Amino acid sequence: MKLFVGLGNPGAKYARNRHNIGFMALDGIAEAHGFGPWRGKFQGVMSEGRLGDDKVVLLKPETFMNKSGQSVGEAVRFFKLEPTDVTVFHDEIDLAPGKLRVKQGGGHAGHNGLRSLHAHIGDAYQRVRMGVGHPGHKDAVPHYVLKDFPKADEGWLDDMLRGIADGAAALAAGDTGRFQNAVALRLHPPRSSTGDKSRVKPKAPEPDTKTETEDKRSALQKLLDKFS
């Protein structure tokens, strides 16, 4: 069994904040894969379902970001999970908007949600780091992450969330490469040459069967045929 955790803050006023991209990722997975209804549990809301061969619980802590670890710790103890069974989806200011990376273990890099998780379950859990960009100065970070995504970001944001849902089963199975490929295909789909004549490879000329056929006539016969 796997526990997927999305980080964010509860309430409509925070729903479209950069800090809530983890909640958005879990909502997309639940909808795309037919998970059960959300219900209150572990100081948050949870939904249960399957991704491929794996049973997966989705958890959105409602303790507010800074105390996310309380909710996750309860769930881990209840289901008797190891930290390595937990995958956390969160915003990452050190990645450009539209970039995504998967990381196993490590520090919290000042992220208050991860800091709380470290305190309650340790640092061995897996993270899906979803880039939201950096405001340019560390003092501006709290205000920046608590602002809604601008309309200009809606395109890549929708593609990233769809890609996460596409690759969720691979992630649950431990195939992080395939998961990241699914996201990349949404963010950077292969170009199609349809309609772009400049990119269409020209057809090879039809072979000239006359020149390719060996001419076995004598020189005299060729001369006679020329004037016949």
Protein backbone atom coordinates (compact mmCIF):
# COMPACT_ATOMS: atom_id res chain seq x y z
CA MET A 1 0.00 0.00 0.00
CA LYS A 2 1.16 3.54 -0.78
CA LEU A 3 0.30 6.89 0.78
CA PHE A 4 0.24 9.90 -1.57
CA VAL A 5 0.23 13.20 0.32
CA GLY A 6 -0.54 16.58 -1.20
CA LEU A 7 0.60 19.67 0.68
CA GLY A 8 -1.47 22.83 0.87
CA ASN A 9 -3.74 24.92 3.05
CA PRO A 10 -7.47 24.19 3.57
CA GLY A 11 -10.21 26.59 2.50
CA ALA A 12 -11.42 28.24 -0.70
CA LYS A 13 -9.22 31.33 -0.27
CA TYR A 14 -6.09 29.20 -0.66
CA ALA A 15 -7.36 26.80 -3.33
CA ARG A 16 -5.49 28.33 -6.30
CA ASN A 17 -2.37 29.40 -4.40
CA ARG A 18 1.05 28.25 -5.60
CA HIS A 19 1.45 26.64 -2.17
CA ASN A 20 -1.57 24.41 -2.91
CA ILE A 21 -0.26 22.71 -6.03
CA GLY A 22 0.08 19.50 -3.99
CA PHE A 23 -3.67 19.49 -3.28
CA MET A 24 -4.30 20.10 -7.00
CA ALA A 25 -2.15 17.11 -7.98
CA LEU A 26 -4.10 14.76 -5.72
CA ASP A 27 -7.44 16.09 -6.96
CA GLY A 28 -6.33 15.32 -10.51
CA ILE A 29 -5.26 11.77 -9.63
CA ALA A 30 -8.51 11.07 -7.77
CA GLU A 31 -10.64 12.27 -10.66
CA ALA A 32 -8.67 10.56 -13.43
CA HIS A 33 -8.51 7.17 -11.67
CA GLY A 34 -11.97 6.96 -10.12
CA PHE A 35 -10.98 7.15 -6.47
CA GLY A 36 -13.61 7.06 -3.74
CA PRO A 37 -15.16 10.20 -2.21
CA TRP A 38 -13.07 12.41 0.03
CA ARG A 39 -13.81 11.91 3.73
CA GLY A 40 -12.45 13.37 6.93
CA LYS A 41 -9.63 11.38 8.54
CA PHE A 42 -6.21 11.95 10.13
CA GLN A 43 -6.77 15.71 10.60
CA GLY A 44 -7.34 15.98 6.88
CA VAL A 45 -9.34 14.46 4.05
CA MET A 46 -8.52 11.15 2.39
CA SER A 47 -9.62 9.16 -0.63
CA GLU A 48 -8.89 5.52 -1.42
CA GLY A 49 -8.44 3.71 -4.71
CA ARG A 50 -6.07 1.72 -6.89
CA LEU A 51 -3.30 2.70 -9.25
CA GLY A 52 -2.39 -0.34 -11.32
CA ASP A 53 -1.74 -3.19 -8.89
CA ASP A 54 -1.27 -0.92 -5.88
CA LYS A 55 -3.77 0.20 -3.28
CA VAL A 56 -3.23 3.92 -2.71
CA VAL A 57 -4.53 6.36 -0.11
CA LEU A 58 -4.58 10.03 -1.05
CA LEU A 59 -4.28 12.43 1.89
CA LYS A 60 -4.67 16.21 2.02
CA PRO A 61 -3.77 17.46 5.53
CA GLU A 62 -6.07 20.20 6.84
CA THR A 63 -3.76 21.23 9.68
CA PHE A 64 -2.38 24.08 7.54
CA MET A 65 1.00 23.75 5.88
CA ASN A 66 3.21 24.27 8.92
CA LYS A 67 1.68 21.30 10.77
CA SER A 68 1.25 18.87 7.86
CA GLY A 69 3.38 16.29 9.62
CA GLN A 70 0.77 15.78 12.34
CA SER A 71 -1.75 14.51 9.80
CA VAL A 72 0.75 12.42 7.83
CA GLY A 73 2.20 10.91 11.01
CA GLU A 74 -1.25 9.72 12.10
CA ALA A 75 -1.88 8.07 8.72
CA VAL A 76 1.54 6.38 8.67
CA ARG A 77 1.00 4.91 12.12
CA PHE A 78 -2.57 3.82 11.40
CA PHE A 79 -1.66 1.96 8.20
CA LYS A 80 1.66 0.72 9.66
CA LEU A 81 3.65 2.18 6.79
CA GLU A 82 7.30 2.97 6.40
CA PRO A 83 8.38 6.49 5.39
CA THR A 84 9.51 5.01 2.06
CA ASP A 85 5.84 4.14 1.35
CA VAL A 86 4.99 7.85 1.41
CA THR A 87 5.14 10.18 -1.61
CA VAL A 88 4.64 13.90 -1.01
CA PHE A 89 3.57 16.34 -3.74
CA HIS A 90 4.62 19.92 -3.04
CA ASP A 91 5.50 23.29 -4.54
CA GLU A 92 9.18 23.93 -5.23
CA ILE A 93 10.48 27.50 -5.59
CA ASP A 94 13.94 26.29 -6.61
CA LEU A 95 12.54 24.86 -9.86
CA ALA A 96 11.28 26.98 -12.74
CA PRO A 97 7.53 26.96 -13.43
CA GLY A 98 6.58 23.81 -15.32
CA LYS A 99 9.60 21.79 -14.17
CA LEU A 100 9.13 18.61 -12.13
CA ARG A 101 11.58 16.38 -10.30
CA VAL A 102 11.24 13.27 -8.13
CA LYS A 103 13.54 12.94 -5.12
CA GLN A 104 13.95 10.26 -2.45
CA GLY A 105 14.93 11.56 0.98
CA GLY A 106 17.03 14.62 1.70
CA GLY A 107 16.56 17.95 3.42
CA HIS A 108 13.52 20.21 3.57
CA ALA A 109 15.24 23.29 2.04
CA GLY A 110 13.22 25.61 4.27
CA HIS A 111 9.82 24.35 3.08
CA ASN A 112 7.61 24.50 6.18
CA GLY A 113 5.42 21.59 5.14
CA LEU A 114 8.43 19.33 4.60
CA ARG A 115 10.00 20.59 7.82
CA SER A 116 6.91 19.38 9.70
CA LEU A 117 7.01 16.02 7.92
CA HIS A 118 10.66 15.58 8.87
CA ALA A 119 9.73 16.09 12.52
CA HIS A 120 6.96 13.44 12.45
CA ILE A 121 8.11 10.70 10.02
CA GLY A 122 11.76 11.43 9.28
CA ASP A 123 13.29 12.37 5.93
CA ALA A 124 13.21 9.09 3.94
CA TYR A 125 9.92 9.75 2.14
CA GLN A 126 9.73 10.43 -1.59
CA ARG A 127 8.96 13.91 -2.91
CA VAL A 128 7.45 15.08 -6.19
CA ARG A 129 8.85 18.60 -6.50
CA MET A 130 6.67 20.79 -8.70
CA GLY A 131 8.35 23.98 -9.83
CA VAL A 132 6.51 27.27 -9.27
CA GLY A 133 9.47 29.62 -9.70
CA HIS A 134 11.18 32.01 -7.30
CA PRO A 135 10.16 35.64 -6.64
CA GLY A 136 13.80 36.72 -6.71
CA HIS A 137 14.33 37.50 -3.04
CA LYS A 138 13.90 35.20 -0.06
CA ASP A 139 11.93 37.81 1.90
CA ALA A 140 9.27 37.76 -0.84
CA VAL A 141 8.79 33.97 -0.75
CA PRO A 142 5.93 33.77 1.85
CA HIS A 143 3.83 36.31 -0.04
CA TYR A 144 4.68 34.74 -3.40
CA VAL A 145 3.65 31.16 -2.57
CA LEU A 146 0.39 32.35 -0.96
CA LYS A 147 -0.68 34.13 -4.14
CA ASP A 148 -2.84 32.49 -6.81
CA PHE A 149 -1.29 31.22 -10.02
CA PRO A 150 -1.63 33.94 -12.68
CA LYS A 151 -3.60 33.24 -15.84
CA ALA A 152 -0.34 33.09 -17.78
CA ASP A 153 0.58 29.92 -15.85
CA GLU A 154 -2.68 28.07 -16.48
CA GLY A 155 -1.42 26.31 -19.61
CA TRP A 156 1.65 24.62 -18.16
CA LEU A 157 -0.09 24.05 -14.82
CA ASP A 158 -2.94 22.12 -16.44
CA ASP A 159 -0.47 20.10 -18.52
CA MET A 160 1.62 19.23 -15.47
CA LEU A 161 -1.39 18.12 -13.44
CA ARG A 162 -2.68 15.98 -16.31
CA GLY A 163 0.75 14.44 -16.74
CA ILE A 164 0.93 13.60 -13.04
CA ALA A 165 -2.43 11.82 -13.32
CA ASP A 166 -1.24 10.00 -16.47
CA GLY A 167 1.86 8.69 -14.73
CA ALA A 168 0.41 8.08 -11.26
CA ALA A 169 0.29 4.28 -11.64
CA ALA A 170 3.94 4.20 -12.67
CA LEU A 171 4.85 6.33 -9.66
CA ALA A 172 2.96 3.99 -7.31
CA ALA A 173 4.84 1.05 -8.85
CA GLY A 174 8.19 2.74 -8.20
CA ASP A 175 8.95 3.56 -11.85
CA THR A 176 9.88 7.22 -11.43
CA GLY A 177 11.42 7.41 -14.90
CA ARG A 178 8.18 6.39 -16.59
CA PHE A 179 6.26 8.79 -14.34
CA GLN A 180 8.45 11.73 -15.31
CA ASN A 181 8.18 10.77 -18.98
CA ALA A 182 4.38 10.92 -18.70
CA VAL A 183 4.60 14.44 -17.31
CA ALA A 184 7.13 15.48 -19.97
CA LEU A 185 4.85 14.22 -22.75
CA ARG A 186 2.10 16.54 -21.51
CA LEU A 187 4.39 19.53 -21.06
CA HIS A 188 6.38 18.99 -24.27
CA PRO A 189 4.36 16.83 -26.69
CA PRO A 190 6.17 15.60 -29.82
CA ARG A 191 5.85 17.94 -32.78
CA SER A 192 3.67 16.80 -35.64
CA SER A 193 4.80 17.48 -39.22
CA THR A 194 1.18 17.54 -40.46
CA GLY A 195 0.56 20.73 -42.37
CA ASP A 196 4.21 21.83 -42.28
CA LYS A 197 5.31 21.23 -45.84
CA SER A 198 8.76 22.61 -45.18
CA ARG A 199 9.43 19.67 -42.82
CA VAL A 200 8.09 16.91 -45.09
CA LYS A 201 10.84 14.76 -46.51
CA PRO A 202 10.62 14.76 -50.32
CA LYS A 203 9.84 11.48 -52.00
CA ALA A 204 12.66 9.72 -53.80
CA PRO A 205 12.32 9.98 -57.63
CA GLU A 206 10.76 7.05 -59.38
CA PRO A 207 13.47 4.84 -60.90
CA ASP A 208 14.04 5.17 -64.65
CA THR A 209 13.55 1.58 -65.73
CA LYS A 210 15.02 2.26 -69.17
CA THR A 211 18.38 3.30 -67.79
CA GLU A 212 18.36 0.51 -65.20
CA THR A 213 17.74 -2.24 -67.84
CA GLU A 214 20.89 -3.61 -69.46
CA ASP A 215 20.91 -2.92 -73.25
CA LYS A 216 22.27 -6.00 -75.00
CA ARG A 217 21.84 -4.75 -78.63
CA SER A 218 24.85 -4.56 -80.87
CA ALA A 219 26.12 -1.20 -82.13
CA LEU A 220 24.82 -1.97 -85.64
CA GLN A 221 21.39 -2.94 -84.32
CA LYS A 222 21.21 0.31 -82.29
CA LEU A 223 22.00 2.34 -85.43
CA LEU A 224 19.39 0.48 -87.50
CA ASP A 225 16.77 0.92 -84.77
CA LYS A 226 17.53 4.65 -84.62
CA PHE A 227 16.60 5.20 -88.26
CA SER A 228 13.81 2.64 -88.49
